[in-house]
Amino acid sequence: MSCGVEPSIALPLRPKKSDGRVGPLPGMTSSQENSRRVWVDGKFFRVGARKFHVKGVTYGPFAPQADGETFASPEQTRRDLEQIRDLSANLVRVYYVPPRWFLDLAAQFELKVLIDVPWPKHLCFLESYDVQQQAREAVRQAARQCKGHPAVFAYSVVNEIPAEIVRWSDSRKVARFIE
């Protein structure tokens, strides 16, 4: 690992080449290597052996459709993602857990997806066991729904908790809940 920092998650061991670059995982074809998910290598992100420099844009939020879907139609999304890729972006941040078709389209355009998991973080959640359980279940459901998809970059589970909530609830207790 570069920087001498060990990540807190288990990562595959990757051989170093003589020039210091990271080699492919043993037993992996080049197409498998190139389609791999993003992983952490010290202070860098990588996809396969290549460094992944995040160049992201936000996508949405959209008003819910008649069926409750919080994304544009698949046809519109295809056009949007094509345009996003043409702008040289490689990551799309979404504000809701996307349906599988969205992740599939993102993968077709070689885009990674940063998924914001919505839950009622605007409430005093530490005062309500039910809200805490709702938050945990939202994260679990997002992980189940998107499990193993190569387009997933990461999940954002606690974006923008209001400062008043953190002050009122005690920042240490909020941090403990998040962890």
Protein backbone atom coordinates (compact mmCIF):
# COMPACT_ATOMS: atom_id res chain seq x y z
CA MET A 1 0.00 0.00 0.00
CA SER A 2 1.26 3.47 -0.75
CA CYS A 3 1.57 6.02 2.06
CA GLY A 4 2.05 3.17 4.52
CA VAL A 5 -1.65 3.46 5.40
CA GLU A 6 -3.58 0.25 5.76
CA PRO A 7 -7.21 0.53 4.67
CA SER A 8 -9.93 -0.56 7.06
CA ILE A 9 -11.43 -2.93 4.49
CA ALA A 10 -9.98 -6.14 3.11
CA LEU A 11 -8.53 -5.66 -0.36
CA PRO A 12 -7.17 -8.19 -2.82
CA LEU A 13 -3.39 -8.47 -2.74
CA ARG A 14 -1.99 -7.22 -6.01
CA PRO A 15 1.54 -7.86 -7.20
CA LYS A 16 3.79 -4.85 -7.87
CA LYS A 17 5.62 -4.65 -11.20
CA SER A 18 9.30 -3.71 -11.34
CA ASP A 19 8.35 -0.12 -12.28
CA GLY A 20 6.17 0.17 -9.15
CA ARG A 21 2.83 -0.15 -10.95
CA VAL A 22 0.25 -2.57 -9.68
CA GLY A 23 -0.14 -5.77 -11.66
CA PRO A 24 -3.34 -7.71 -12.37
CA LEU A 25 -4.74 -10.18 -9.92
CA PRO A 26 -3.41 -13.70 -10.51
CA GLY A 27 -5.59 -15.84 -12.80
CA MET A 28 -7.56 -12.91 -14.19
CA THR A 29 -8.05 -12.20 -17.91
CA SER A 30 -7.58 -8.65 -19.21
CA SER A 31 -11.32 -8.23 -19.83
CA GLN A 32 -12.09 -9.34 -16.28
CA GLU A 33 -9.39 -7.02 -14.99
CA ASN A 34 -10.77 -4.04 -16.93
CA SER A 35 -14.36 -4.62 -15.80
CA ARG A 36 -13.50 -4.77 -12.10
CA ARG A 37 -15.06 -2.53 -9.52
CA VAL A 38 -13.23 0.42 -8.02
CA TRP A 39 -10.96 -0.48 -5.12
CA VAL A 40 -8.70 1.47 -2.76
CA ASP A 41 -4.91 1.35 -3.11
CA GLY A 42 -3.50 3.57 -0.35
CA LYS A 43 -4.52 7.10 -1.25
CA PHE A 44 -5.69 6.16 -4.76
CA PHE A 45 -8.73 4.56 -6.32
CA ARG A 46 -8.15 1.95 -8.98
CA VAL A 47 -10.20 0.06 -11.53
CA GLY A 48 -8.20 -3.01 -12.36
CA ALA A 49 -4.59 -1.87 -12.54
CA ARG A 50 -5.46 1.68 -13.66
CA LYS A 51 -5.74 4.66 -11.34
CA PHE A 52 -9.27 6.00 -11.22
CA HIS A 53 -9.33 9.78 -11.06
CA VAL A 54 -12.84 10.83 -10.06
CA LYS A 55 -14.48 13.28 -12.48
CA GLY A 56 -18.05 13.34 -11.32
CA VAL A 57 -21.36 15.05 -11.87
CA THR A 58 -24.67 14.88 -10.04
CA TYR A 59 -27.71 13.37 -11.69
CA GLY A 60 -31.06 14.41 -10.27
CA PRO A 61 -32.94 14.49 -8.10
CA PHE A 62 -36.01 14.10 -10.26
CA ALA A 63 -39.67 14.42 -9.39
CA PRO A 64 -41.18 10.97 -8.86
CA GLN A 65 -42.81 9.40 -11.93
CA ALA A 66 -46.37 8.03 -11.82
CA ASP A 67 -44.94 4.63 -10.81
CA GLY A 68 -42.93 6.23 -7.98
CA GLU A 69 -39.61 5.95 -9.84
CA THR A 70 -37.24 8.81 -8.91
CA PHE A 71 -35.20 8.69 -12.12
CA ALA A 72 -35.81 9.84 -15.67
CA SER A 73 -37.05 7.23 -18.13
CA PRO A 74 -34.50 4.69 -19.38
CA GLU A 75 -34.52 6.37 -22.81
CA GLN A 76 -33.85 9.82 -21.35
CA THR A 77 -31.28 8.41 -18.95
CA ARG A 78 -29.43 6.76 -21.85
CA ARG A 79 -29.20 10.13 -23.63
CA ASP A 80 -28.12 11.87 -20.43
CA LEU A 81 -25.43 9.32 -19.58
CA GLU A 82 -24.10 9.45 -23.11
CA GLN A 83 -23.79 13.22 -22.81
CA ILE A 84 -22.17 12.91 -19.37
CA ARG A 85 -19.62 10.45 -20.77
CA ASP A 86 -18.97 12.76 -23.76
CA LEU A 87 -18.06 15.46 -21.22
CA SER A 88 -15.31 13.11 -19.92
CA ALA A 89 -16.98 12.44 -16.58
CA ASN A 90 -16.52 8.97 -15.12
CA LEU A 91 -18.79 9.12 -12.07
CA VAL A 92 -22.43 10.04 -11.49
CA ARG A 93 -23.79 10.88 -8.05
CA VAL A 94 -27.45 10.02 -7.55
CA TYR A 95 -29.68 10.96 -4.62
CA TYR A 96 -31.72 7.77 -4.46
CA VAL A 97 -30.86 4.11 -4.73
CA PRO A 98 -31.01 3.45 -8.48
CA PRO A 99 -32.88 0.61 -10.16
CA ARG A 100 -30.80 -2.13 -11.79
CA TRP A 101 -31.47 -0.78 -15.30
CA PHE A 102 -29.83 2.52 -14.29
CA LEU A 103 -26.70 0.72 -13.06
CA ASP A 104 -26.64 -1.37 -16.24
CA LEU A 105 -26.79 1.78 -18.39
CA ALA A 106 -24.06 3.44 -16.33
CA ALA A 107 -21.85 0.38 -16.85
CA GLN A 108 -22.50 0.49 -20.61
CA PHE A 109 -21.13 4.04 -20.64
CA GLU A 110 -18.24 3.09 -18.33
CA LEU A 111 -19.58 5.34 -15.59
CA LYS A 112 -19.39 4.59 -11.88
CA VAL A 113 -22.27 5.53 -9.58
CA LEU A 114 -22.02 7.17 -6.13
CA ILE A 115 -25.28 6.28 -4.42
CA ASP A 116 -26.70 8.55 -1.74
CA VAL A 117 -28.85 6.44 0.57
CA PRO A 118 -31.82 8.50 1.76
CA TRP A 119 -33.08 8.19 5.31
CA PRO A 120 -34.59 10.75 7.73
CA LYS A 121 -31.31 12.30 8.91
CA HIS A 122 -33.06 15.66 9.27
CA LEU A 123 -34.79 14.31 12.40
CA CYS A 124 -33.32 13.82 15.89
CA PHE A 125 -32.65 10.22 14.94
CA LEU A 126 -30.74 9.35 18.10
CA GLU A 127 -33.91 9.98 20.11
CA SER A 128 -35.92 7.46 18.12
CA TYR A 129 -35.14 3.77 17.92
CA ASP A 130 -37.59 3.49 15.00
CA VAL A 131 -35.76 6.16 12.96
CA GLN A 132 -32.41 4.49 13.72
CA GLN A 133 -33.80 1.18 12.50
CA GLN A 134 -35.22 2.91 9.43
CA ALA A 135 -31.75 4.31 8.66
CA ARG A 136 -30.07 0.92 9.11
CA GLU A 137 -32.68 -0.79 6.94
CA ALA A 138 -32.31 1.84 4.19
CA VAL A 139 -28.57 1.16 4.05
CA ARG A 140 -29.07 -2.63 4.11
CA GLN A 141 -31.69 -2.42 1.35
CA ALA A 142 -29.42 -0.26 -0.82
CA ALA A 143 -26.57 -2.73 -0.37
CA ARG A 144 -28.84 -5.69 -1.22
CA GLN A 145 -30.36 -3.95 -4.24
CA CYS A 146 -27.01 -2.94 -5.77
CA LYS A 147 -24.89 -5.83 -4.50
CA GLY A 148 -22.07 -6.85 -6.78
CA HIS A 149 -22.87 -4.43 -9.60
CA PRO A 150 -19.65 -3.23 -11.26
CA ALA A 151 -21.05 0.28 -11.79
CA VAL A 152 -21.30 0.98 -8.03
CA PHE A 153 -18.50 3.26 -6.85
CA ALA A 154 -19.64 3.79 -3.26
CA TYR A 155 -22.58 4.48 -0.98
CA SER A 156 -23.01 7.78 0.81
CA VAL A 157 -24.98 7.01 3.95
CA VAL A 158 -24.82 10.23 5.99
CA ASN A 159 -24.54 13.20 3.68
CA GLU A 160 -25.59 16.55 5.15
CA ILE A 161 -26.84 15.82 8.63
CA PRO A 162 -28.03 19.26 9.79
CA ALA A 163 -25.61 20.95 12.20
CA GLU A 164 -28.40 21.53 14.71
CA ILE A 165 -29.05 17.78 14.90
CA VAL A 166 -25.35 17.07 15.47
CA ARG A 167 -25.06 19.76 18.16
CA TRP A 168 -28.29 18.73 19.89
CA SER A 169 -27.51 15.02 19.79
CA ASP A 170 -23.77 15.31 20.64
CA SER A 171 -21.29 14.87 17.81
CA ARG A 172 -19.63 11.84 19.46
CA LYS A 173 -22.95 9.99 19.70
CA VAL A 174 -23.77 10.85 16.07
CA ALA A 175 -20.33 9.62 14.99
CA ARG A 176 -20.82 6.38 16.94
CA PHE A 177 -24.18 5.78 15.25
CA ILE A 178 -22.69 6.44 11.81
CA GLU A 179 -19.80 4.07 12.42
